[in-house]
Amino acid sequence: MRRLLRHVTSLCLAVLIVTGVRVFCVSSYRVSTGSMQTILQEGDVVLVNKMHSLSNPGRGRIAVFKSPLGQDSESPPLFLGRCAGMPGDTILVTTGGCFVNGRPVQAESEKAFRIRKSVKTALLETLRHLDIPLRSVAEDSLSMTIRLTVHEESLLRTHLHQALQIEPAPEAEWSYRFVIPFEGYDYRPDSLSLFLYAHAIGQETDGRVQSDGVKLFAGSREVTTYRFVRDYYWMSSDGGDTVDSRHLGFVPRSCVTGNVWLCLYSRNKSRIFKRIY
């Protein structure tokens, strides 16, 4: 009888969640991306623990999060990714991959492209319109070199005028290192890392502190040190060309819905009611 009651209770909970009813701090979501294709497939229904704690979001856990680039919209897009970096971790991104505190977490899939410097203004406008971050590798008197994923390259070629077309650049070794911001972290702006921090700082200050690409300013006053007031995370994906923190930047805690807890439904019967780690 007790076993029967447990099955009936589980079934009722499943029905409530599948129909979209939220039970306490747990919600259901249908996977519509291949970003974590080694663990979850498109069409799977998962349960997400929305009760934030020191382990939620947790290191190495798969989480649901909103795009930090769409915080001003009514319904920013949701993403699925693995919490690869915690507040205070050191990230090293190189041509060979991404490393968290010296540990490899993701293969890099970006390519270098050269663009004539005379069309830099138009390029920056297009990148901003498409929400593609500027990952600059090098710049000289005639051209600038940026890095793009396969998806970003396709978007950019579609939206750029023929006269602004980009061309592949010879690959060269490159890397950049940064600390994931946390509450109380004092950041000193530099031109190499500012593109990563600028959006988060702008969000925290409601636009009162802005970047010109090289320095931070509050009005006409240069900001030489900025102290963060929120914790941030670095999200990675299994799919080489899917969207994660390489494209969205730091993800603030307020944008993280929570850890994925359980696979409730899947076409692959072996994954149903399987815990997700």
C-alpha atoms as a PDB file:
ATOM      1  CA  MET A   1       0.000   0.000   0.000  1.00  0.00           C
ATOM      2  CA  ARG A   2       2.817   2.435   0.876  1.00  0.00           C
ATOM      3  CA  ARG A   3       4.556   1.677  -2.425  1.00  0.00           C
ATOM      4  CA  LEU A   4       1.287   2.299  -4.285  1.00  0.00           C
ATOM      5  CA  LEU A   5       0.816   5.619  -2.482  1.00  0.00           C
ATOM      6  CA  ARG A   6       4.363   6.675  -3.441  1.00  0.00           C
ATOM      7  CA  HIS A   7       3.674   5.875  -7.116  1.00  0.00           C
ATOM      8  CA  VAL A   8       0.355   7.760  -7.035  1.00  0.00           C
ATOM      9  CA  THR A   9       2.032  10.778  -5.389  1.00  0.00           C
ATOM     10  CA  SER A  10       4.839  10.780  -7.983  1.00  0.00           C
ATOM     11  CA  LEU A  11       2.303  10.520 -10.810  1.00  0.00           C
ATOM     12  CA  CYS A  12       0.233  13.424  -9.456  1.00  0.00           C
ATOM     13  CA  LEU A  13       3.348  15.571  -9.095  1.00  0.00           C
ATOM     14  CA  ALA A  14       4.408  14.726 -12.650  1.00  0.00           C
ATOM     15  CA  VAL A  15       0.966  15.626 -14.039  1.00  0.00           C
ATOM     16  CA  LEU A  16       0.960  18.944 -12.192  1.00  0.00           C
ATOM     17  CA  ILE A  17       4.417  19.882 -13.467  1.00  0.00           C
ATOM     18  CA  VAL A  18       3.863  18.788 -17.083  1.00  0.00           C
ATOM     19  CA  THR A  19       0.728  20.925 -17.272  1.00  0.00           C
ATOM     20  CA  GLY A  20       2.767  23.940 -16.189  1.00  0.00           C
ATOM     21  CA  VAL A  21       1.649  24.189 -12.551  1.00  0.00           C
ATOM     22  CA  ARG A  22       4.521  25.150 -10.277  1.00  0.00           C
ATOM     23  CA  VAL A  23       4.907  23.043  -7.145  1.00  0.00           C
ATOM     24  CA  PHE A  24       6.683  25.059  -4.441  1.00  0.00           C
ATOM     25  CA  CYS A  25      10.188  25.864  -5.758  1.00  0.00           C
ATOM     26  CA  VAL A  26      10.244  23.379  -8.655  1.00  0.00           C
ATOM     27  CA  SER A  27       9.243  24.151 -12.255  1.00  0.00           C
ATOM     28  CA  SER A  28       9.286  22.167 -15.472  1.00  0.00           C
ATOM     29  CA  TYR A  29      10.932  23.228 -18.739  1.00  0.00           C
ATOM     30  CA  ARG A  30      11.058  21.636 -22.176  1.00  0.00           C
ATOM     31  CA  VAL A  31      14.532  21.480 -23.713  1.00  0.00           C
ATOM     32  CA  SER A  32      14.609  23.212 -27.112  1.00  0.00           C
ATOM     33  CA  THR A  33      18.366  23.384 -27.679  1.00  0.00           C
ATOM     34  CA  GLY A  34      21.264  21.046 -28.296  1.00  0.00           C
ATOM     35  CA  SER A  35      23.589  22.916 -25.937  1.00  0.00           C
ATOM     36  CA  MET A  36      23.817  19.963 -23.525  1.00  0.00           C
ATOM     37  CA  GLN A  37      23.316  17.216 -26.090  1.00  0.00           C
ATOM     38  CA  THR A  38      25.510  14.682 -24.282  1.00  0.00           C
ATOM     39  CA  ILE A  39      23.119  14.770 -21.288  1.00  0.00           C
ATOM     40  CA  LEU A  40      19.774  16.101 -22.553  1.00  0.00           C
ATOM     41  CA  GLN A  41      18.144  16.072 -25.978  1.00  0.00           C
ATOM     42  CA  GLU A  42      15.703  18.468 -27.626  1.00  0.00           C
ATOM     43  CA  GLY A  43      12.172  17.661 -26.487  1.00  0.00           C
ATOM     44  CA  ASP A  44      13.167  16.391 -23.038  1.00  0.00           C
ATOM     45  CA  VAL A  45      11.167  17.799 -20.110  1.00  0.00           C
ATOM     46  CA  VAL A  46      13.226  18.593 -17.005  1.00  0.00           C
ATOM     47  CA  LEU A  47      12.509  19.677 -13.442  1.00  0.00           C
ATOM     48  CA  VAL A  48      14.450  22.681 -12.174  1.00  0.00           C
ATOM     49  CA  ASN A  49      15.159  23.432  -8.512  1.00  0.00           C
ATOM     50  CA  LYS A  50      14.572  27.188  -8.163  1.00  0.00           C
ATOM     51  CA  MET A  51      15.541  27.483  -4.492  1.00  0.00           C
ATOM     52  CA  HIS A  52      18.881  29.334  -4.558  1.00  0.00           C
ATOM     53  CA  SER A  53      21.583  28.230  -2.112  1.00  0.00           C
ATOM     54  CA  LEU A  54      25.371  27.930  -1.954  1.00  0.00           C
ATOM     55  CA  SER A  55      25.093  24.873  -4.225  1.00  0.00           C
ATOM     56  CA  ASN A  56      22.330  26.210  -6.490  1.00  0.00           C
ATOM     57  CA  PRO A  57      23.643  27.126  -8.962  1.00  0.00           C
ATOM     58  CA  GLY A  58      26.406  24.662  -8.221  1.00  0.00           C
ATOM     59  CA  ARG A  59      29.815  24.087  -9.733  1.00  0.00           C
ATOM     60  CA  GLY A  60      29.567  21.675 -12.647  1.00  0.00           C
ATOM     61  CA  ARG A  61      25.768  21.483 -12.454  1.00  0.00           C
ATOM     62  CA  ILE A  62      23.513  21.972 -15.485  1.00  0.00           C
ATOM     63  CA  ALA A  63      21.372  25.071 -14.963  1.00  0.00           C
ATOM     64  CA  VAL A  64      18.621  27.064 -16.660  1.00  0.00           C
ATOM     65  CA  PHE A  65      19.415  30.776 -16.980  1.00  0.00           C
ATOM     66  CA  LYS A  66      18.185  33.916 -18.719  1.00  0.00           C
ATOM     67  CA  SER A  67      20.269  35.896 -21.155  1.00  0.00           C
ATOM     68  CA  PRO A  68      21.994  38.770 -19.313  1.00  0.00           C
ATOM     69  CA  LEU A  69      21.907  40.692 -22.609  1.00  0.00           C
ATOM     70  CA  GLY A  70      18.095  40.727 -22.556  1.00  0.00           C
ATOM     71  CA  GLN A  71      17.409  41.868 -18.985  1.00  0.00           C
ATOM     72  CA  ASP A  72      15.537  44.936 -20.210  1.00  0.00           C
ATOM     73  CA  SER A  73      13.076  42.891 -22.294  1.00  0.00           C
ATOM     74  CA  GLU A  74       9.810  41.488 -20.935  1.00  0.00           C
ATOM     75  CA  SER A  75      10.724  37.877 -21.695  1.00  0.00           C
ATOM     76  CA  PRO A  76      14.494  37.396 -22.145  1.00  0.00           C
ATOM     77  CA  PRO A  77      15.428  34.072 -23.773  1.00  0.00           C
ATOM     78  CA  LEU A  78      16.228  31.070 -21.564  1.00  0.00           C
ATOM     79  CA  PHE A  79      19.369  28.964 -22.007  1.00  0.00           C
ATOM     80  CA  LEU A  80      20.632  25.652 -20.737  1.00  0.00           C
ATOM     81  CA  GLY A  81      24.287  25.327 -19.737  1.00  0.00           C
ATOM     82  CA  ARG A  82      26.761  23.901 -17.278  1.00  0.00           C
ATOM     83  CA  CYS A  83      27.951  26.160 -14.468  1.00  0.00           C
ATOM     84  CA  ALA A  84      31.656  25.926 -15.281  1.00  0.00           C
ATOM     85  CA  GLY A  85      32.853  28.963 -13.326  1.00  0.00           C
ATOM     86  CA  MET A  86      31.831  30.273  -9.908  1.00  0.00           C
ATOM     87  CA  PRO A  87      32.238  33.801  -8.478  1.00  0.00           C
ATOM     88  CA  GLY A  88      35.947  34.469  -7.935  1.00  0.00           C
ATOM     89  CA  ASP A  89      37.217  31.731 -10.274  1.00  0.00           C
ATOM     90  CA  THR A  90      39.977  32.554 -12.775  1.00  0.00           C
ATOM     91  CA  ILE A  91      39.137  31.845 -16.425  1.00  0.00           C
ATOM     92  CA  LEU A  92      41.751  31.417 -19.152  1.00  0.00           C
ATOM     93  CA  VAL A  93      40.467  31.434 -22.744  1.00  0.00           C
ATOM     94  CA  THR A  94      42.949  30.404 -25.446  1.00  0.00           C
ATOM     95  CA  THR A  95      42.967  29.129 -29.006  1.00  0.00           C
ATOM     96  CA  GLY A  96      43.147  25.649 -27.494  1.00  0.00           C
ATOM     97  CA  GLY A  97      40.141  25.947 -25.180  1.00  0.00           C
ATOM     98  CA  CYS A  98      38.709  27.348 -21.980  1.00  0.00           C
ATOM     99  CA  PHE A  99      40.253  26.650 -18.555  1.00  0.00           C
ATOM    100  CA  VAL A 100      38.765  27.311 -15.094  1.00  0.00           C
ATOM    101  CA  ASN A 101      41.365  27.574 -12.315  1.00  0.00           C
ATOM    102  CA  GLY A 102      43.732  25.693 -14.642  1.00  0.00           C
ATOM    103  CA  ARG A 103      41.243  22.903 -15.424  1.00  0.00           C
ATOM    104  CA  PRO A 104      40.082  22.498 -19.063  1.00  0.00           C
ATOM    105  CA  VAL A 105      36.302  22.723 -19.408  1.00  0.00           C
ATOM    106  CA  GLN A 106      35.553  23.357 -23.076  1.00  0.00           C
ATOM    107  CA  ALA A 107      37.036  23.128 -26.547  1.00  0.00           C
ATOM    108  CA  GLU A 108      37.197  26.423 -28.394  1.00  0.00           C
ATOM    109  CA  SER A 109      35.414  26.660 -31.742  1.00  0.00           C
ATOM    110  CA  GLU A 110      35.962  30.268 -32.754  1.00  0.00           C
ATOM    111  CA  LYS A 111      37.826  31.418 -35.862  1.00  0.00           C
ATOM    112  CA  ALA A 112      39.717  34.617 -36.606  1.00  0.00           C
ATOM    113  CA  PHE A 113      38.489  37.058 -39.283  1.00  0.00           C
ATOM    114  CA  ARG A 114      40.095  40.221 -40.649  1.00  0.00           C
ATOM    115  CA  ILE A 115      38.020  43.337 -41.386  1.00  0.00           C
ATOM    116  CA  ARG A 116      39.136  46.614 -42.938  1.00  0.00           C
ATOM    117  CA  LYS A 117      39.463  49.334 -40.328  1.00  0.00           C
ATOM    118  CA  SER A 118      37.659  51.830 -42.580  1.00  0.00           C
ATOM    119  CA  VAL A 119      34.360  49.992 -41.910  1.00  0.00           C
ATOM    120  CA  LYS A 120      34.901  49.588 -38.160  1.00  0.00           C
ATOM    121  CA  THR A 121      31.945  51.845 -37.247  1.00  0.00           C
ATOM    122  CA  ALA A 122      29.510  49.884 -39.424  1.00  0.00           C
ATOM    123  CA  LEU A 123      30.868  46.611 -38.086  1.00  0.00           C
ATOM    124  CA  LEU A 124      30.414  47.670 -34.450  1.00  0.00           C
ATOM    125  CA  GLU A 125      26.828  48.768 -35.164  1.00  0.00           C
ATOM    126  CA  THR A 126      26.063  45.395 -36.774  1.00  0.00           C
ATOM    127  CA  LEU A 127      27.647  43.442 -33.905  1.00  0.00           C
ATOM    128  CA  ARG A 128      25.602  45.465 -31.397  1.00  0.00           C
ATOM    129  CA  HIS A 129      22.401  44.879 -33.376  1.00  0.00           C
ATOM    130  CA  LEU A 130      23.030  41.114 -33.467  1.00  0.00           C
ATOM    131  CA  ASP A 131      24.144  40.926 -29.803  1.00  0.00           C
ATOM    132  CA  ILE A 132      27.539  39.529 -30.876  1.00  0.00           C
ATOM    133  CA  PRO A 133      30.341  40.477 -28.450  1.00  0.00           C
ATOM    134  CA  LEU A 134      33.479  42.082 -29.860  1.00  0.00           C
ATOM    135  CA  ARG A 135      36.309  39.631 -29.261  1.00  0.00           C
ATOM    136  CA  SER A 136      39.247  41.545 -30.713  1.00  0.00           C
ATOM    137  CA  VAL A 137      42.491  39.663 -31.221  1.00  0.00           C
ATOM    138  CA  ALA A 138      44.630  42.280 -32.947  1.00  0.00           C
ATOM    139  CA  GLU A 139      44.448  45.670 -34.640  1.00  0.00           C
ATOM    140  CA  ASP A 140      46.823  47.558 -36.927  1.00  0.00           C
ATOM    141  CA  SER A 141      46.650  50.712 -39.062  1.00  0.00           C
ATOM    142  CA  LEU A 142      44.678  49.007 -41.859  1.00  0.00           C
ATOM    143  CA  SER A 143      42.594  46.248 -40.312  1.00  0.00           C
ATOM    144  CA  MET A 144      41.269  44.630 -37.168  1.00  0.00           C
ATOM    145  CA  THR A 145      40.928  40.947 -36.374  1.00  0.00           C
ATOM    146  CA  ILE A 146      37.985  39.545 -34.450  1.00  0.00           C
ATOM    147  CA  ARG A 147      36.952  36.039 -33.405  1.00  0.00           C
ATOM    148  CA  LEU A 148      33.577  34.556 -34.317  1.00  0.00           C
ATOM    149  CA  THR A 149      31.834  31.231 -33.851  1.00  0.00           C
ATOM    150  CA  VAL A 150      30.406  29.483 -36.920  1.00  0.00           C
ATOM    151  CA  HIS A 151      26.916  30.739 -36.015  1.00  0.00           C
ATOM    152  CA  GLU A 152      28.113  34.320 -35.491  1.00  0.00           C
ATOM    153  CA  GLU A 153      29.984  34.299 -38.799  1.00  0.00           C
ATOM    154  CA  SER A 154      26.809  33.181 -40.586  1.00  0.00           C
ATOM    155  CA  LEU A 155      24.742  35.920 -38.913  1.00  0.00           C
ATOM    156  CA  LEU A 156      27.308  38.600 -39.678  1.00  0.00           C
ATOM    157  CA  ARG A 157      27.666  37.643 -43.356  1.00  0.00           C
ATOM    158  CA  THR A 158      23.878  37.728 -43.720  1.00  0.00           C
ATOM    159  CA  HIS A 159      23.485  41.203 -42.235  1.00  0.00           C
ATOM    160  CA  LEU A 160      26.618  42.969 -43.492  1.00  0.00           C
ATOM    161  CA  HIS A 161      26.579  44.847 -46.796  1.00  0.00           C
ATOM    162  CA  GLN A 162      28.679  43.247 -49.531  1.00  0.00           C
ATOM    163  CA  ALA A 163      31.245  46.030 -49.229  1.00  0.00           C
ATOM    164  CA  LEU A 164      31.792  45.120 -45.583  1.00  0.00           C
ATOM    165  CA  GLN A 165      32.349  41.399 -46.071  1.00  0.00           C
ATOM    166  CA  ILE A 166      34.810  39.727 -43.745  1.00  0.00           C
ATOM    167  CA  GLU A 167      37.653  37.427 -44.713  1.00  0.00           C
ATOM    168  CA  PRO A 168      39.348  34.631 -42.734  1.00  0.00           C
ATOM    169  CA  ALA A 169      42.553  35.666 -41.013  1.00  0.00           C
ATOM    170  CA  PRO A 170      45.617  33.491 -40.434  1.00  0.00           C
ATOM    171  CA  GLU A 171      45.326  31.735 -37.077  1.00  0.00           C
ATOM    172  CA  ALA A 172      47.710  32.849 -34.362  1.00  0.00           C
ATOM    173  CA  GLU A 173      48.117  31.841 -30.755  1.00  0.00           C
ATOM    174  CA  TRP A 174      46.188  34.100 -28.366  1.00  0.00           C
ATOM    175  CA  SER A 175      44.770  34.039 -24.856  1.00  0.00           C
ATOM    176  CA  TYR A 176      43.120  36.229 -22.255  1.00  0.00           C
ATOM    177  CA  ARG A 177      42.673  35.721 -18.525  1.00  0.00           C
ATOM    178  CA  PHE A 178      40.080  37.224 -16.189  1.00  0.00           C
ATOM    179  CA  VAL A 179      38.374  36.738 -12.810  1.00  0.00           C
ATOM    180  CA  ILE A 180      34.630  36.042 -12.614  1.00  0.00           C
ATOM    181  CA  PRO A 181      33.220  39.008 -10.659  1.00  0.00           C
ATOM    182  CA  PHE A 182      31.777  38.552  -7.185  1.00  0.00           C
ATOM    183  CA  GLU A 183      30.237  40.842  -4.601  1.00  0.00           C
ATOM    184  CA  GLY A 184      33.029  43.054  -3.263  1.00  0.00           C
ATOM    185  CA  TYR A 185      35.473  42.350  -6.134  1.00  0.00           C
ATOM    186  CA  ASP A 186      37.540  45.420  -7.053  1.00  0.00           C
ATOM    187  CA  TYR A 187      38.107  45.524 -10.805  1.00  0.00           C
ATOM    188  CA  ARG A 188      40.729  47.774 -12.384  1.00  0.00           C
ATOM    189  CA  PRO A 189      39.793  48.392 -16.034  1.00  0.00           C
ATOM    190  CA  ASP A 190      42.212  47.476 -18.815  1.00  0.00           C
ATOM    191  CA  SER A 191      41.655  47.401 -22.578  1.00  0.00           C
ATOM    192  CA  LEU A 192      42.112  43.616 -22.824  1.00  0.00           C
ATOM    193  CA  SER A 193      39.371  42.594 -20.381  1.00  0.00           C
ATOM    194  CA  LEU A 194      37.042  45.576 -20.368  1.00  0.00           C
ATOM    195  CA  PHE A 195      34.805  44.187 -23.117  1.00  0.00           C
ATOM    196  CA  LEU A 196      33.957  41.311 -20.756  1.00  0.00           C
ATOM    197  CA  TYR A 197      33.184  43.483 -17.716  1.00  0.00           C
ATOM    198  CA  ALA A 198      31.583  46.552 -19.327  1.00  0.00           C
ATOM    199  CA  HIS A 199      28.081  45.131 -19.827  1.00  0.00           C
ATOM    200  CA  ALA A 200      27.849  43.812 -16.248  1.00  0.00           C
ATOM    201  CA  ILE A 201      29.050  47.141 -14.852  1.00  0.00           C
ATOM    202  CA  GLY A 202      26.552  49.044 -17.001  1.00  0.00           C
ATOM    203  CA  GLN A 203      23.741  46.808 -15.728  1.00  0.00           C
ATOM    204  CA  GLU A 204      24.780  47.190 -12.090  1.00  0.00           C
ATOM    205  CA  THR A 205      24.899  50.988 -12.322  1.00  0.00           C
ATOM    206  CA  ASP A 206      21.805  51.408 -14.549  1.00  0.00           C
ATOM    207  CA  GLY A 207      24.053  52.927 -17.196  1.00  0.00           C
ATOM    208  CA  ARG A 208      25.693  55.495 -14.933  1.00  0.00           C
ATOM    209  CA  VAL A 209      29.105  53.932 -15.615  1.00  0.00           C
ATOM    210  CA  GLN A 210      29.882  53.399 -19.309  1.00  0.00           C
ATOM    211  CA  SER A 211      32.814  52.161 -21.372  1.00  0.00           C
ATOM    212  CA  ASP A 212      34.416  53.683 -24.442  1.00  0.00           C
ATOM    213  CA  GLY A 213      36.145  50.360 -25.165  1.00  0.00           C
ATOM    214  CA  VAL A 214      39.348  51.367 -23.397  1.00  0.00           C
ATOM    215  CA  LYS A 215      38.301  53.042 -20.127  1.00  0.00           C
ATOM    216  CA  LEU A 216      35.306  53.363 -17.806  1.00  0.00           C
ATOM    217  CA  PHE A 217      33.575  56.691 -17.244  1.00  0.00           C
ATOM    218  CA  ALA A 218      30.898  58.030 -14.914  1.00  0.00           C
ATOM    219  CA  GLY A 219      29.824  61.082 -16.861  1.00  0.00           C
ATOM    220  CA  SER A 220      33.072  62.855 -17.728  1.00  0.00           C
ATOM    221  CA  ARG A 221      34.990  61.349 -14.801  1.00  0.00           C
ATOM    222  CA  GLU A 222      37.226  58.354 -15.447  1.00  0.00           C
ATOM    223  CA  VAL A 223      36.560  55.350 -13.200  1.00  0.00           C
ATOM    224  CA  THR A 224      39.855  53.663 -12.290  1.00  0.00           C
ATOM    225  CA  THR A 225      38.392  51.042  -9.910  1.00  0.00           C
ATOM    226  CA  TYR A 226      34.937  49.504  -9.798  1.00  0.00           C
ATOM    227  CA  ARG A 227      33.611  47.353  -6.935  1.00  0.00           C
ATOM    228  CA  PHE A 228      31.025  44.760  -8.005  1.00  0.00           C
ATOM    229  CA  VAL A 229      27.837  44.352  -5.969  1.00  0.00           C
ATOM    230  CA  ARG A 230      26.616  41.041  -7.448  1.00  0.00           C
ATOM    231  CA  ASP A 231      27.876  37.479  -7.900  1.00  0.00           C
ATOM    232  CA  TYR A 232      28.360  36.145 -11.443  1.00  0.00           C
ATOM    233  CA  TYR A 233      28.816  32.759 -13.127  1.00  0.00           C
ATOM    234  CA  TRP A 234      30.420  31.392 -16.300  1.00  0.00           C
ATOM    235  CA  MET A 235      28.171  29.008 -18.245  1.00  0.00           C
ATOM    236  CA  SER A 236      29.479  26.530 -20.831  1.00  0.00           C
ATOM    237  CA  SER A 237      27.769  24.225 -23.314  1.00  0.00           C
ATOM    238  CA  ASP A 238      28.527  20.819 -24.787  1.00  0.00           C
ATOM    239  CA  GLY A 239      27.754  21.991 -28.331  1.00  0.00           C
ATOM    240  CA  GLY A 240      30.693  23.821 -29.875  1.00  0.00           C
ATOM    241  CA  ASP A 241      28.546  26.387 -31.716  1.00  0.00           C
ATOM    242  CA  THR A 242      25.740  26.832 -29.177  1.00  0.00           C
ATOM    243  CA  VAL A 243      25.291  29.970 -27.091  1.00  0.00           C
ATOM    244  CA  ASP A 244      26.966  30.223 -23.685  1.00  0.00           C
ATOM    245  CA  SER A 245      29.109  32.695 -21.716  1.00  0.00           C
ATOM    246  CA  ARG A 246      31.542  33.026 -24.625  1.00  0.00           C
ATOM    247  CA  HIS A 247      28.730  34.938 -26.344  1.00  0.00           C
ATOM    248  CA  LEU A 248      26.629  36.223 -23.413  1.00  0.00           C
ATOM    249  CA  GLY A 249      29.385  37.129 -20.965  1.00  0.00           C
ATOM    250  CA  PHE A 250      29.059  36.833 -17.206  1.00  0.00           C
ATOM    251  CA  VAL A 251      25.682  35.578 -15.972  1.00  0.00           C
ATOM    252  CA  PRO A 252      24.506  37.328 -12.764  1.00  0.00           C
ATOM    253  CA  ARG A 253      22.904  35.250 -10.041  1.00  0.00           C
ATOM    254  CA  SER A 254      19.600  37.044 -10.648  1.00  0.00           C
ATOM    255  CA  CYS A 255      19.502  35.551 -14.165  1.00  0.00           C
ATOM    256  CA  VAL A 256      19.987  31.941 -13.000  1.00  0.00           C
ATOM    257  CA  THR A 257      16.691  30.069 -12.591  1.00  0.00           C
ATOM    258  CA  GLY A 258      18.315  27.089 -10.879  1.00  0.00           C
ATOM    259  CA  ASN A 259      19.907  23.659 -11.181  1.00  0.00           C
ATOM    260  CA  VAL A 260      18.317  21.052 -13.430  1.00  0.00           C
ATOM    261  CA  TRP A 261      17.273  18.291 -11.042  1.00  0.00           C
ATOM    262  CA  LEU A 262      15.463  15.511 -12.910  1.00  0.00           C
ATOM    263  CA  CYS A 263      14.545  14.417 -16.433  1.00  0.00           C
ATOM    264  CA  LEU A 264      10.763  14.014 -16.269  1.00  0.00           C
ATOM    265  CA  TYR A 265      10.120  12.998 -19.865  1.00  0.00           C
ATOM    266  CA  SER A 266      12.257  11.918 -22.832  1.00  0.00           C
ATOM    267  CA  ARG A 267      11.848   9.978 -26.041  1.00  0.00           C
ATOM    268  CA  ASN A 268      14.801   8.001 -24.713  1.00  0.00           C
ATOM    269  CA  LYS A 269      13.047   5.902 -22.056  1.00  0.00           C
ATOM    270  CA  SER A 270      16.314   5.263 -20.190  1.00  0.00           C
ATOM    271  CA  ARG A 271      16.517   8.976 -19.232  1.00  0.00           C
ATOM    272  CA  ILE A 272      13.015   9.260 -17.710  1.00  0.00           C
ATOM    273  CA  PHE A 273      13.139  10.036 -13.946  1.00  0.00           C
ATOM    274  CA  LYS A 274      16.939  10.142 -14.147  1.00  0.00           C
ATOM    275  CA  ARG A 275      18.774  12.594 -11.897  1.00  0.00           C
ATOM    276  CA  ILE A 276      20.747  15.237 -13.796  1.00  0.00           C
ATOM    277  CA  TYR A 277      24.211  16.220 -12.552  1.00  0.00           C
END
